[in-house]
Amino acid sequence: MAGNGILVIGELAGGALATSTLEAIATARGLAASLPGEPVGVLLTGSGLADAAQTAIAHGADLVYTVDSPAFEDAPSDLLVAAAHATVAQAGPRSVIGTKTLVSRDVLPRLAFRLGTALAQDCTALAVDDQERLLATRPTYGGNAQATIACLGSPAVATVRAKTTDPLEPDAARTGQVIPVEVALDGVLKTRPIERVEQASEGLRLEDAKVIVSGGRGLGGPEPFKQLDVLATLLGGAVGASRAACDAGWVSSSYQVGLTGKTVTPDLYIAVGISGASQHMAGCSNAKTIVAINKDPGANIFKEARFGVTGDWEKVLPAFVEQLHELLD
């Protein structure tokens, strides 16, 4: 399969390069190691892209394609698809990748359709085989199994699950080329954002927390989450939840960890009253250490946990918190 490197569809957050894009660049660099001489490119759209372009280069990009226009301020997907399509035509990459975000989940499938190729969604790993085809590993059957598929279309298009790759350490000495891309935007915009609502949050973002204390259906209601918050605060962490707890309205959906929620990779993940369904584990299985508290000795969570306590959380959790107070005082 002929090709000219890997193209990352980049995103900005607050004018700076999004962490998800830094992760995608790291993934692309890993693929490029199997494709000697082929570059890693990044597409950036928006206004004032010079700093973001240099950040991309410092983190591993060889080429940065820019579409500089204030029209991209609200990231309208119609324009992003057009910009990505034009960049692919100019760059001729063998593969196009992005991190699975709200933006890429809209843009990448439409781009794949325009290119007449297939899309591998929500991948946990990407590799290149001996025929230089992209191999995409992704969860199937609700996360109960992992399937590795060979992408036969050209270019191959894939989205990678967030937090599966750490960004590379920046190297300010790296050099790269910034290439403007001309895109005809007249008549492209078919939809536009009407309103943007930002949800205020206090403390750590769930995705950035090194310690997460999550609650599930076994807690029985919203009040116990206050106790989880006490434990999380003691440990300098954040509170998460299973889908069952969010669907019940006990906590906001922003707390949800799992296949349809957030993917997290903390150093410590404490699961309280969570059964360990595959959909939930898909979001936290990469935690370095999982500790489970559940009264059901047959709960699946114990198969995934490094440490487990079989017992009523209402007795276990207060004792745990008390012990922590003694250790920290």
C-alpha atoms as a PDB file:
ATOM      1  CA  MET A   1       0.000   0.000   0.000  1.00  0.00           C
ATOM      2  CA  ALA A   2       1.676   3.227  -1.146  1.00  0.00           C
ATOM      3  CA  GLY A   3       1.406   6.227   1.122  1.00  0.00           C
ATOM      4  CA  ASN A   4       2.959   9.369   2.396  1.00  0.00           C
ATOM      5  CA  GLY A   5       2.901   9.153   6.151  1.00  0.00           C
ATOM      6  CA  ILE A   6       0.259   9.696   8.791  1.00  0.00           C
ATOM      7  CA  LEU A   7      -2.065  12.702   9.013  1.00  0.00           C
ATOM      8  CA  VAL A   8      -3.509  13.664  12.394  1.00  0.00           C
ATOM      9  CA  ILE A   9      -6.724  15.689  12.452  1.00  0.00           C
ATOM     10  CA  GLY A  10      -5.860  18.144  15.198  1.00  0.00           C
ATOM     11  CA  GLU A  11      -8.036  20.106  17.613  1.00  0.00           C
ATOM     12  CA  LEU A  12      -7.530  23.222  19.695  1.00  0.00           C
ATOM     13  CA  ALA A  13      -8.735  23.844  23.242  1.00  0.00           C
ATOM     14  CA  GLY A  14      -8.739  27.435  24.417  1.00  0.00           C
ATOM     15  CA  GLY A  15      -6.439  28.422  21.555  1.00  0.00           C
ATOM     16  CA  ALA A  16      -3.824  25.803  22.466  1.00  0.00           C
ATOM     17  CA  LEU A  17      -3.264  22.335  21.065  1.00  0.00           C
ATOM     18  CA  ALA A  18      -5.644  19.894  22.748  1.00  0.00           C
ATOM     19  CA  THR A  19      -4.154  17.106  24.856  1.00  0.00           C
ATOM     20  CA  SER A  20      -6.085  14.618  22.718  1.00  0.00           C
ATOM     21  CA  THR A  21      -4.170  15.833  19.659  1.00  0.00           C
ATOM     22  CA  LEU A  22      -0.841  15.437  21.470  1.00  0.00           C
ATOM     23  CA  GLU A  23      -1.858  11.836  22.215  1.00  0.00           C
ATOM     24  CA  ALA A  24      -2.735  11.280  18.544  1.00  0.00           C
ATOM     25  CA  ILE A  25       0.638  12.678  17.447  1.00  0.00           C
ATOM     26  CA  ALA A  26       2.359  10.206  19.790  1.00  0.00           C
ATOM     27  CA  THR A  27       0.322   7.375  18.255  1.00  0.00           C
ATOM     28  CA  ALA A  28       1.257   8.560  14.758  1.00  0.00           C
ATOM     29  CA  ARG A  29       4.945   8.683  15.692  1.00  0.00           C
ATOM     30  CA  GLY A  30       4.712   5.060  16.813  1.00  0.00           C
ATOM     31  CA  LEU A  31       3.247   4.106  13.432  1.00  0.00           C
ATOM     32  CA  ALA A  32       5.848   6.141  11.553  1.00  0.00           C
ATOM     33  CA  ALA A  33       8.588   4.112  13.242  1.00  0.00           C
ATOM     34  CA  SER A  34       7.444   1.205  11.044  1.00  0.00           C
ATOM     35  CA  LEU A  35       7.376   3.418   7.942  1.00  0.00           C
ATOM     36  CA  PRO A  36      10.906   4.830   7.556  1.00  0.00           C
ATOM     37  CA  GLY A  37      11.072   8.145   5.776  1.00  0.00           C
ATOM     38  CA  GLU A  38       7.358   8.860   5.976  1.00  0.00           C
ATOM     39  CA  PRO A  39       6.300  11.994   7.867  1.00  0.00           C
ATOM     40  CA  VAL A  40       3.787  12.696  10.591  1.00  0.00           C
ATOM     41  CA  GLY A  41       1.506  15.562   9.619  1.00  0.00           C
ATOM     42  CA  VAL A  42      -1.060  17.470  11.660  1.00  0.00           C
ATOM     43  CA  LEU A  43      -3.994  19.507  10.361  1.00  0.00           C
ATOM     44  CA  LEU A  44      -4.862  22.605  12.393  1.00  0.00           C
ATOM     45  CA  THR A  45      -7.769  24.945  11.714  1.00  0.00           C
ATOM     46  CA  GLY A  46      -8.610  28.301  13.266  1.00  0.00           C
ATOM     47  CA  SER A  47      -6.989  31.702  13.739  1.00  0.00           C
ATOM     48  CA  GLY A  48      -3.505  32.491  14.987  1.00  0.00           C
ATOM     49  CA  LEU A  49      -2.134  28.978  14.654  1.00  0.00           C
ATOM     50  CA  ALA A  50       1.601  29.744  14.911  1.00  0.00           C
ATOM     51  CA  ASP A  51       2.027  28.729  18.560  1.00  0.00           C
ATOM     52  CA  ALA A  52      -0.108  25.598  18.210  1.00  0.00           C
ATOM     53  CA  ALA A  53       1.876  24.597  15.112  1.00  0.00           C
ATOM     54  CA  GLN A  54       5.183  24.888  16.994  1.00  0.00           C
ATOM     55  CA  THR A  55       3.728  22.875  19.874  1.00  0.00           C
ATOM     56  CA  ALA A  56       2.754  20.131  17.423  1.00  0.00           C
ATOM     57  CA  ILE A  57       6.262  20.083  15.963  1.00  0.00           C
ATOM     58  CA  ALA A  58       7.869  19.960  19.400  1.00  0.00           C
ATOM     59  CA  HIS A  59       5.694  16.953  20.263  1.00  0.00           C
ATOM     60  CA  GLY A  60       6.597  14.947  17.160  1.00  0.00           C
ATOM     61  CA  ALA A  61       4.981  16.420  14.029  1.00  0.00           C
ATOM     62  CA  ASP A  62       7.097  16.829  10.907  1.00  0.00           C
ATOM     63  CA  LEU A  63       4.532  18.784   8.899  1.00  0.00           C
ATOM     64  CA  VAL A  64       1.738  21.052  10.102  1.00  0.00           C
ATOM     65  CA  TYR A  65      -1.023  21.859   7.616  1.00  0.00           C
ATOM     66  CA  THR A  66      -2.916  25.016   8.553  1.00  0.00           C
ATOM     67  CA  VAL A  67      -6.234  26.427   7.440  1.00  0.00           C
ATOM     68  CA  ASP A  68      -6.186  29.888   9.001  1.00  0.00           C
ATOM     69  CA  SER A  69      -9.664  31.395   9.102  1.00  0.00           C
ATOM     70  CA  PRO A  70     -11.918  32.875  11.813  1.00  0.00           C
ATOM     71  CA  ALA A  71     -14.743  30.811  10.305  1.00  0.00           C
ATOM     72  CA  PHE A  72     -13.413  27.838  12.316  1.00  0.00           C
ATOM     73  CA  GLU A  73     -13.824  29.560  15.683  1.00  0.00           C
ATOM     74  CA  ASP A  74     -16.790  27.403  16.751  1.00  0.00           C
ATOM     75  CA  ALA A  75     -15.416  24.280  15.033  1.00  0.00           C
ATOM     76  CA  PRO A  76     -18.345  23.847  12.604  1.00  0.00           C
ATOM     77  CA  SER A  77     -18.137  20.263  11.400  1.00  0.00           C
ATOM     78  CA  ASP A  78     -19.060  21.096   7.778  1.00  0.00           C
ATOM     79  CA  LEU A  79     -15.980  23.308   7.459  1.00  0.00           C
ATOM     80  CA  LEU A  80     -13.745  20.856   9.313  1.00  0.00           C
ATOM     81  CA  VAL A  81     -14.717  18.043   6.939  1.00  0.00           C
ATOM     82  CA  ALA A  82     -13.978  20.276   3.945  1.00  0.00           C
ATOM     83  CA  ALA A  83     -10.611  21.289   5.409  1.00  0.00           C
ATOM     84  CA  ALA A  84      -9.682  17.687   6.180  1.00  0.00           C
ATOM     85  CA  HIS A  85     -10.705  16.537   2.701  1.00  0.00           C
ATOM     86  CA  ALA A  86      -8.628  19.251   1.038  1.00  0.00           C
ATOM     87  CA  THR A  87      -5.623  18.455   3.233  1.00  0.00           C
ATOM     88  CA  VAL A  88      -5.791  14.738   2.442  1.00  0.00           C
ATOM     89  CA  ALA A  89      -5.880  15.603  -1.262  1.00  0.00           C
ATOM     90  CA  GLN A  90      -2.788  17.791  -0.841  1.00  0.00           C
ATOM     91  CA  ALA A  91      -0.796  15.603   1.558  1.00  0.00           C
ATOM     92  CA  GLY A  92      -1.684  12.149   0.228  1.00  0.00           C
ATOM     93  CA  PRO A  93      -1.309  10.294   3.548  1.00  0.00           C
ATOM     94  CA  ARG A  94      -1.563   6.517   3.843  1.00  0.00           C
ATOM     95  CA  SER A  95      -3.520   6.903   7.109  1.00  0.00           C
ATOM     96  CA  VAL A  96      -5.644   9.580   8.761  1.00  0.00           C
ATOM     97  CA  ILE A  97      -6.153   9.390  12.519  1.00  0.00           C
ATOM     98  CA  GLY A  98      -7.750  11.372  15.324  1.00  0.00           C
ATOM     99  CA  THR A  99      -8.618  10.865  18.960  1.00  0.00           C
ATOM    100  CA  LYS A 100     -12.202   9.851  19.723  1.00  0.00           C
ATOM    101  CA  THR A 101     -13.646  13.218  20.762  1.00  0.00           C
ATOM    102  CA  LEU A 102     -16.991  14.898  20.148  1.00  0.00           C
ATOM    103  CA  VAL A 103     -15.459  16.660  17.142  1.00  0.00           C
ATOM    104  CA  SER A 104     -13.747  13.658  15.556  1.00  0.00           C
ATOM    105  CA  ARG A 105     -16.811  11.439  16.045  1.00  0.00           C
ATOM    106  CA  ASP A 106     -18.612  13.844  13.717  1.00  0.00           C
ATOM    107  CA  VAL A 107     -15.817  14.686  11.286  1.00  0.00           C
ATOM    108  CA  LEU A 108     -13.937  11.412  10.699  1.00  0.00           C
ATOM    109  CA  PRO A 109     -16.920   9.295   9.552  1.00  0.00           C
ATOM    110  CA  ARG A 110     -17.912  11.979   7.044  1.00  0.00           C
ATOM    111  CA  LEU A 111     -14.326  12.294   5.848  1.00  0.00           C
ATOM    112  CA  ALA A 112     -14.068   8.520   5.367  1.00  0.00           C
ATOM    113  CA  PHE A 113     -17.255   8.583   3.295  1.00  0.00           C
ATOM    114  CA  ARG A 114     -15.893  11.333   1.061  1.00  0.00           C
ATOM    115  CA  LEU A 115     -12.662   9.400   0.599  1.00  0.00           C
ATOM    116  CA  GLY A 116     -14.554   6.210  -0.266  1.00  0.00           C
ATOM    117  CA  THR A 117     -12.887   4.287   2.522  1.00  0.00           C
ATOM    118  CA  ALA A 118     -13.851   2.702   5.855  1.00  0.00           C
ATOM    119  CA  LEU A 119     -13.446   4.001   9.401  1.00  0.00           C
ATOM    120  CA  ALA A 120     -12.109   2.084  12.394  1.00  0.00           C
ATOM    121  CA  GLN A 121     -13.685   3.714  15.461  1.00  0.00           C
ATOM    122  CA  ASP A 122     -12.636   3.790  19.125  1.00  0.00           C
ATOM    123  CA  CYS A 123      -9.351   1.933  18.659  1.00  0.00           C
ATOM    124  CA  THR A 124      -7.225   1.014  21.645  1.00  0.00           C
ATOM    125  CA  ALA A 125      -4.102   0.325  19.566  1.00  0.00           C
ATOM    126  CA  LEU A 126      -2.816   0.920  16.032  1.00  0.00           C
ATOM    127  CA  ALA A 127       0.014  -0.868  14.250  1.00  0.00           C
ATOM    128  CA  VAL A 128       1.380  -1.532  10.770  1.00  0.00           C
ATOM    129  CA  ASP A 129       1.679  -5.067   9.369  1.00  0.00           C
ATOM    130  CA  ASP A 130       4.326  -6.465   7.020  1.00  0.00           C
ATOM    131  CA  GLN A 131       2.266  -5.277   4.045  1.00  0.00           C
ATOM    132  CA  GLU A 132       2.224  -1.751   5.502  1.00  0.00           C
ATOM    133  CA  ARG A 133      -1.511  -1.924   6.149  1.00  0.00           C
ATOM    134  CA  LEU A 134      -2.949  -0.207   9.191  1.00  0.00           C
ATOM    135  CA  LEU A 135      -3.992  -2.703  11.870  1.00  0.00           C
ATOM    136  CA  ALA A 136      -6.642  -1.351  14.219  1.00  0.00           C
ATOM    137  CA  THR A 137      -7.454  -3.032  17.538  1.00  0.00           C
ATOM    138  CA  ARG A 138     -10.818  -2.092  19.003  1.00  0.00           C
ATOM    139  CA  PRO A 139     -13.284  -3.444  21.583  1.00  0.00           C
ATOM    140  CA  THR A 140     -16.205  -5.542  20.376  1.00  0.00           C
ATOM    141  CA  TYR A 141     -19.248  -7.143  22.028  1.00  0.00           C
ATOM    142  CA  GLY A 142     -19.530  -4.327  24.537  1.00  0.00           C
ATOM    143  CA  GLY A 143     -15.868  -4.554  25.463  1.00  0.00           C
ATOM    144  CA  ASN A 144     -15.887  -8.297  26.144  1.00  0.00           C
ATOM    145  CA  ALA A 145     -13.368  -8.952  23.361  1.00  0.00           C
ATOM    146  CA  GLN A 146     -10.752  -7.136  21.314  1.00  0.00           C
ATOM    147  CA  ALA A 147     -10.729  -7.413  17.526  1.00  0.00           C
ATOM    148  CA  THR A 148      -7.791  -6.503  15.316  1.00  0.00           C
ATOM    149  CA  ILE A 149      -8.770  -5.567  11.785  1.00  0.00           C
ATOM    150  CA  ALA A 150      -6.682  -4.771   8.723  1.00  0.00           C
ATOM    151  CA  CYS A 151      -7.727  -1.533   7.003  1.00  0.00           C
ATOM    152  CA  LEU A 152      -7.824  -2.300   3.291  1.00  0.00           C
ATOM    153  CA  GLY A 153      -9.031   1.102   2.093  1.00  0.00           C
ATOM    154  CA  SER A 154      -6.696   3.915   1.119  1.00  0.00           C
ATOM    155  CA  PRO A 155      -6.204   6.063   3.003  1.00  0.00           C
ATOM    156  CA  ALA A 156      -7.030   4.174   6.174  1.00  0.00           C
ATOM    157  CA  VAL A 157      -9.049   6.255   8.655  1.00  0.00           C
ATOM    158  CA  ALA A 158      -9.211   5.584  12.389  1.00  0.00           C
ATOM    159  CA  THR A 159     -10.055   7.209  15.708  1.00  0.00           C
ATOM    160  CA  VAL A 160      -8.137   6.248  18.833  1.00  0.00           C
ATOM    161  CA  ARG A 161      -9.633   6.074  22.306  1.00  0.00           C
ATOM    162  CA  ALA A 162      -8.432   8.891  24.547  1.00  0.00           C
ATOM    163  CA  LYS A 163      -5.743   8.138  27.140  1.00  0.00           C
ATOM    164  CA  THR A 164      -4.451   5.041  25.324  1.00  0.00           C
ATOM    165  CA  THR A 165      -1.159   6.811  24.518  1.00  0.00           C
ATOM    166  CA  ASP A 166       0.759   9.373  26.541  1.00  0.00           C
ATOM    167  CA  PRO A 167       1.944  12.517  24.721  1.00  0.00           C
ATOM    168  CA  LEU A 168       5.641  12.575  23.892  1.00  0.00           C
ATOM    169  CA  GLU A 169       7.955  14.815  25.863  1.00  0.00           C
ATOM    170  CA  PRO A 170       8.305  18.104  23.963  1.00  0.00           C
ATOM    171  CA  ASP A 171      11.587  18.812  22.201  1.00  0.00           C
ATOM    172  CA  ALA A 172      11.988  22.531  21.528  1.00  0.00           C
ATOM    173  CA  ALA A 173      14.899  21.782  19.188  1.00  0.00           C
ATOM    174  CA  ARG A 174      12.726  19.831  16.727  1.00  0.00           C
ATOM    175  CA  THR A 175      12.074  21.513  13.414  1.00  0.00           C
ATOM    176  CA  GLY A 176       9.239  21.034  10.986  1.00  0.00           C
ATOM    177  CA  GLN A 177       7.427  22.641   8.099  1.00  0.00           C
ATOM    178  CA  VAL A 178       4.209  24.659   8.321  1.00  0.00           C
ATOM    179  CA  ILE A 179       2.164  24.362   5.125  1.00  0.00           C
ATOM    180  CA  PRO A 180      -0.903  26.541   4.442  1.00  0.00           C
ATOM    181  CA  VAL A 181      -3.844  24.755   2.827  1.00  0.00           C
ATOM    182  CA  GLU A 182      -6.305  26.570   0.587  1.00  0.00           C
ATOM    183  CA  VAL A 183      -9.900  25.462   1.128  1.00  0.00           C
ATOM    184  CA  ALA A 184     -12.936  26.773  -0.725  1.00  0.00           C
ATOM    185  CA  LEU A 185     -15.406  27.432   2.098  1.00  0.00           C
ATOM    186  CA  ASP A 186     -18.141  29.239   0.172  1.00  0.00           C
ATOM    187  CA  GLY A 187     -21.385  27.289   0.297  1.00  0.00           C
ATOM    188  CA  VAL A 188     -19.880  24.563   2.499  1.00  0.00           C
ATOM    189  CA  LEU A 189     -21.580  25.515   5.757  1.00  0.00           C
ATOM    190  CA  LYS A 190     -24.921  23.730   6.077  1.00  0.00           C
ATOM    191  CA  THR A 191     -25.246  23.756   9.858  1.00  0.00           C
ATOM    192  CA  ARG A 192     -24.059  26.114  12.575  1.00  0.00           C
ATOM    193  CA  PRO A 193     -23.900  26.052  16.373  1.00  0.00           C
ATOM    194  CA  ILE A 194     -26.782  27.922  17.980  1.00  0.00           C
ATOM    195  CA  GLU A 195     -25.577  27.918  21.545  1.00  0.00           C
ATOM    196  CA  ARG A 196     -22.577  26.659  23.477  1.00  0.00           C
ATOM    197  CA  VAL A 197     -23.170  25.720  27.103  1.00  0.00           C
ATOM    198  CA  GLU A 198     -20.178  25.130  29.349  1.00  0.00           C
ATOM    199  CA  GLN A 199     -20.702  23.095  32.473  1.00  0.00           C
ATOM    200  CA  ALA A 200     -18.920  24.576  35.460  1.00  0.00           C
ATOM    201  CA  SER A 201     -16.880  22.087  37.451  1.00  0.00           C
ATOM    202  CA  GLU A 202     -14.925  22.248  40.656  1.00  0.00           C
ATOM    203  CA  GLY A 203     -11.671  20.519  41.409  1.00  0.00           C
ATOM    204  CA  LEU A 204      -9.911  18.030  39.161  1.00  0.00           C
ATOM    205  CA  ARG A 205     -11.165  16.995  35.754  1.00  0.00           C
ATOM    206  CA  LEU A 206     -11.981  13.300  35.873  1.00  0.00           C
ATOM    207  CA  GLU A 207      -9.667  12.605  32.936  1.00  0.00           C
ATOM    208  CA  ASP A 208      -6.713  14.264  34.699  1.00  0.00           C
ATOM    209  CA  ALA A 209      -7.153  12.734  38.163  1.00  0.00           C
ATOM    210  CA  LYS A 210      -4.468  10.378  39.461  1.00  0.00           C
ATOM    211  CA  VAL A 211      -6.963   8.912  41.940  1.00  0.00           C
ATOM    212  CA  ILE A 212     -10.631   8.243  41.177  1.00  0.00           C
ATOM    213  CA  VAL A 213     -13.290   6.966  43.561  1.00  0.00           C
ATOM    214  CA  SER A 214     -16.292   5.704  41.587  1.00  0.00           C
ATOM    215  CA  GLY A 215     -19.722   4.625  42.764  1.00  0.00           C
ATOM    216  CA  GLY A 216     -22.282   2.358  41.163  1.00  0.00           C
ATOM    217  CA  ARG A 217     -25.763   0.960  41.540  1.00  0.00           C
ATOM    218  CA  GLY A 218     -24.771  -0.755  44.774  1.00  0.00           C
ATOM    219  CA  LEU A 219     -24.683   2.596  46.597  1.00  0.00           C
ATOM    220  CA  GLY A 220     -28.462   2.736  46.428  1.00  0.00           C
ATOM    221  CA  GLY A 221     -28.909   6.472  45.905  1.00  0.00           C
ATOM    222  CA  PRO A 222     -27.287   9.909  45.537  1.00  0.00           C
ATOM    223  CA  GLU A 223     -26.426  10.563  49.199  1.00  0.00           C
ATOM    224  CA  PRO A 224     -23.542   8.065  49.410  1.00  0.00           C
ATOM    225  CA  PHE A 225     -21.670  10.013  46.729  1.00  0.00           C
ATOM    226  CA  LYS A 226     -20.987  12.630  49.415  1.00  0.00           C
ATOM    227  CA  GLN A 227     -18.996   9.963  51.253  1.00  0.00           C
ATOM    228  CA  LEU A 228     -17.122   9.123  48.065  1.00  0.00           C
ATOM    229  CA  ASP A 229     -16.278  12.800  47.737  1.00  0.00           C
ATOM    230  CA  VAL A 230     -14.796  12.800  51.244  1.00  0.00           C
ATOM    231  CA  LEU A 231     -12.556   9.853  50.349  1.00  0.00           C
ATOM    232  CA  ALA A 232     -11.582  11.361  46.998  1.00  0.00           C
ATOM    233  CA  THR A 233     -10.672  14.665  48.685  1.00  0.00           C
ATOM    234  CA  LEU A 234      -8.486  12.861  51.227  1.00  0.00           C
ATOM    235  CA  LEU A 235      -6.639  11.133  48.393  1.00  0.00           C
ATOM    236  CA  GLY A 236      -6.394  14.244  46.232  1.00  0.00           C
ATOM    237  CA  GLY A 237      -8.613  12.683  43.576  1.00  0.00           C
ATOM    238  CA  ALA A 238     -11.971  12.961  41.836  1.00  0.00           C
ATOM    239  CA  VAL A 239     -15.325  11.187  41.973  1.00  0.00           C
ATOM    240  CA  GLY A 240     -16.644   9.046  39.121  1.00  0.00           C
ATOM    241  CA  ALA A 241     -19.685   6.866  38.557  1.00  0.00           C
ATOM    242  CA  SER A 242     -21.029   3.961  36.571  1.00  0.00           C
ATOM    243  CA  ARG A 243     -23.646   4.426  33.892  1.00  0.00           C
ATOM    244  CA  ALA A 244     -26.312   2.930  36.168  1.00  0.00           C
ATOM    245  CA  ALA A 245     -25.708   5.633  38.769  1.00  0.00           C
ATOM    246  CA  CYS A 246     -25.821   8.374  36.136  1.00  0.00           C
ATOM    247  CA  ASP A 247     -28.936   6.985  34.445  1.00  0.00           C
ATOM    248  CA  ALA A 248     -30.657   6.901  37.841  1.00  0.00           C
ATOM    249  CA  GLY A 249     -29.992  10.620  38.186  1.00  0.00           C
ATOM    250  CA  TRP A 250     -27.850  10.239  41.305  1.00  0.00           C
ATOM    251  CA  VAL A 251     -25.002  12.215  39.728  1.00  0.00           C
ATOM    252  CA  SER A 252     -24.450  14.136  36.505  1.00  0.00           C
ATOM    253  CA  SER A 253     -23.506  12.272  33.325  1.00  0.00           C
ATOM    254  CA  SER A 254     -20.200  14.183  33.447  1.00  0.00           C
ATOM    255  CA  TYR A 255     -19.170  11.699  36.181  1.00  0.00           C
ATOM    256  CA  GLN A 256     -19.698   8.660  33.974  1.00  0.00           C
ATOM    257  CA  VAL A 257     -16.790   6.310  33.339  1.00  0.00           C
ATOM    258  CA  GLY A 258     -17.182   3.625  30.691  1.00  0.00           C
ATOM    259  CA  LEU A 259     -17.757   2.758  27.070  1.00  0.00           C
ATOM    260  CA  THR A 260     -20.318   5.555  26.626  1.00  0.00           C
ATOM    261  CA  GLY A 261     -18.682   7.823  29.220  1.00  0.00           C
ATOM    262  CA  LYS A 262     -15.125   8.897  29.887  1.00  0.00           C
ATOM    263  CA  THR A 263     -11.971   6.867  29.527  1.00  0.00           C
ATOM    264  CA  VAL A 264      -9.648   7.348  32.493  1.00  0.00           C
ATOM    265  CA  THR A 265      -6.163   6.103  33.355  1.00  0.00           C
ATOM    266  CA  PRO A 266      -5.537   6.979  37.004  1.00  0.00           C
ATOM    267  CA  ASP A 267      -2.850   5.509  39.206  1.00  0.00           C
ATOM    268  CA  LEU A 268      -5.583   4.315  41.587  1.00  0.00           C
ATOM    269  CA  TYR A 269      -9.210   3.512  40.763  1.00  0.00           C
ATOM    270  CA  ILE A 270     -11.476   2.627  43.695  1.00  0.00           C
ATOM    271  CA  ALA A 271     -14.777   1.056  42.592  1.00  0.00           C
ATOM    272  CA  VAL A 272     -17.483   1.116  45.264  1.00  0.00           C
ATOM    273  CA  GLY A 273     -20.672  -0.825  44.633  1.00  0.00           C
ATOM    274  CA  ILE A 274     -19.792  -1.359  40.969  1.00  0.00           C
ATOM    275  CA  SER A 275     -20.399  -4.807  39.488  1.00  0.00           C
ATOM    276  CA  GLY A 276     -17.663  -4.510  36.859  1.00  0.00           C
ATOM    277  CA  ALA A 277     -19.703  -4.831  33.665  1.00  0.00           C
ATOM    278  CA  SER A 278     -17.590  -4.785  30.516  1.00  0.00           C
ATOM    279  CA  GLN A 279     -19.077  -1.439  29.461  1.00  0.00           C
ATOM    280  CA  HIS A 280     -17.750   0.162  32.641  1.00  0.00           C
ATOM    281  CA  MET A 281     -14.389  -1.578  32.586  1.00  0.00           C
ATOM    282  CA  ALA A 282     -13.821  -0.327  29.042  1.00  0.00           C
ATOM    283  CA  GLY A 283     -13.418   3.117  30.569  1.00  0.00           C
ATOM    284  CA  CYS A 284     -11.085   2.289  33.469  1.00  0.00           C
ATOM    285  CA  SER A 285      -9.260  -0.936  32.607  1.00  0.00           C
ATOM    286  CA  ASN A 286      -6.019   0.962  31.957  1.00  0.00           C
ATOM    287  CA  ALA A 287      -5.852   2.210  35.538  1.00  0.00           C
ATOM    288  CA  LYS A 288      -2.573   1.157  37.164  1.00  0.00           C
ATOM    289  CA  THR A 289      -4.315  -0.241  40.245  1.00  0.00           C
ATOM    290  CA  ILE A 290      -8.015  -1.077  40.690  1.00  0.00           C
ATOM    291  CA  VAL A 291      -9.462  -1.586  44.165  1.00  0.00           C
ATOM    292  CA  ALA A 292     -12.988  -3.020  44.441  1.00  0.00           C
ATOM    293  CA  ILE A 293     -15.458  -2.828  47.338  1.00  0.00           C
ATOM    294  CA  ASN A 294     -18.525  -4.972  46.737  1.00  0.00           C
ATOM    295  CA  LYS A 295     -20.704  -7.230  48.872  1.00  0.00           C
ATOM    296  CA  ASP A 296     -21.158  -9.757  46.050  1.00  0.00           C
ATOM    297  CA  PRO A 297     -18.141 -12.096  46.022  1.00  0.00           C
ATOM    298  CA  GLY A 298     -19.059 -13.188  42.503  1.00  0.00           C
ATOM    299  CA  ALA A 299     -19.023  -9.665  41.047  1.00  0.00           C
ATOM    300  CA  ASN A 300     -16.979  -9.356  37.878  1.00  0.00           C
ATOM    301  CA  ILE A 301     -15.127  -6.364  39.306  1.00  0.00           C
ATOM    302  CA  PHE A 302     -13.028  -8.731  41.426  1.00  0.00           C
ATOM    303  CA  LYS A 303     -11.656 -10.359  38.266  1.00  0.00           C
ATOM    304  CA  GLU A 304     -10.392  -6.959  37.141  1.00  0.00           C
ATOM    305  CA  ALA A 305      -9.218  -5.593  40.501  1.00  0.00           C
ATOM    306  CA  ARG A 306      -5.749  -5.950  41.954  1.00  0.00           C
ATOM    307  CA  PHE A 307      -7.189  -5.634  45.460  1.00  0.00           C
ATOM    308  CA  GLY A 308     -10.728  -6.409  46.574  1.00  0.00           C
ATOM    309  CA  VAL A 309     -12.846  -6.151  49.695  1.00  0.00           C
ATOM    310  CA  THR A 310     -15.959  -8.325  49.937  1.00  0.00           C
ATOM    311  CA  GLY A 311     -18.322  -6.508  52.235  1.00  0.00           C
ATOM    312  CA  ASP A 312     -20.977  -3.855  52.729  1.00  0.00           C
ATOM    313  CA  TRP A 313     -19.571  -0.523  51.562  1.00  0.00           C
ATOM    314  CA  GLU A 314     -21.450   1.224  54.391  1.00  0.00           C
ATOM    315  CA  LYS A 315     -19.151  -0.542  56.849  1.00  0.00           C
ATOM    316  CA  VAL A 316     -15.998  -0.754  54.753  1.00  0.00           C
ATOM    317  CA  LEU A 317     -15.864   2.836  53.502  1.00  0.00           C
ATOM    318  CA  PRO A 318     -16.115   4.644  56.893  1.00  0.00           C
ATOM    319  CA  ALA A 319     -13.439   2.358  58.316  1.00  0.00           C
ATOM    320  CA  PHE A 320     -11.226   3.076  55.322  1.00  0.00           C
ATOM    321  CA  VAL A 321     -11.699   6.835  55.673  1.00  0.00           C
ATOM    322  CA  GLU A 322     -10.998   6.685  59.408  1.00  0.00           C
ATOM    323  CA  GLN A 323      -7.789   4.759  58.788  1.00  0.00           C
ATOM    324  CA  LEU A 324      -6.704   7.312  56.192  1.00  0.00           C
ATOM    325  CA  HIS A 325      -7.294  10.135  58.656  1.00  0.00           C
ATOM    326  CA  GLU A 326      -5.018   8.387  61.143  1.00  0.00           C
ATOM    327  CA  LEU A 327      -2.323   7.863  58.541  1.00  0.00           C
ATOM    328  CA  LEU A 328      -2.490  11.427  57.231  1.00  0.00           C
ATOM    329  CA  ASP A 329      -2.718  13.204  60.602  1.00  0.00           C
END
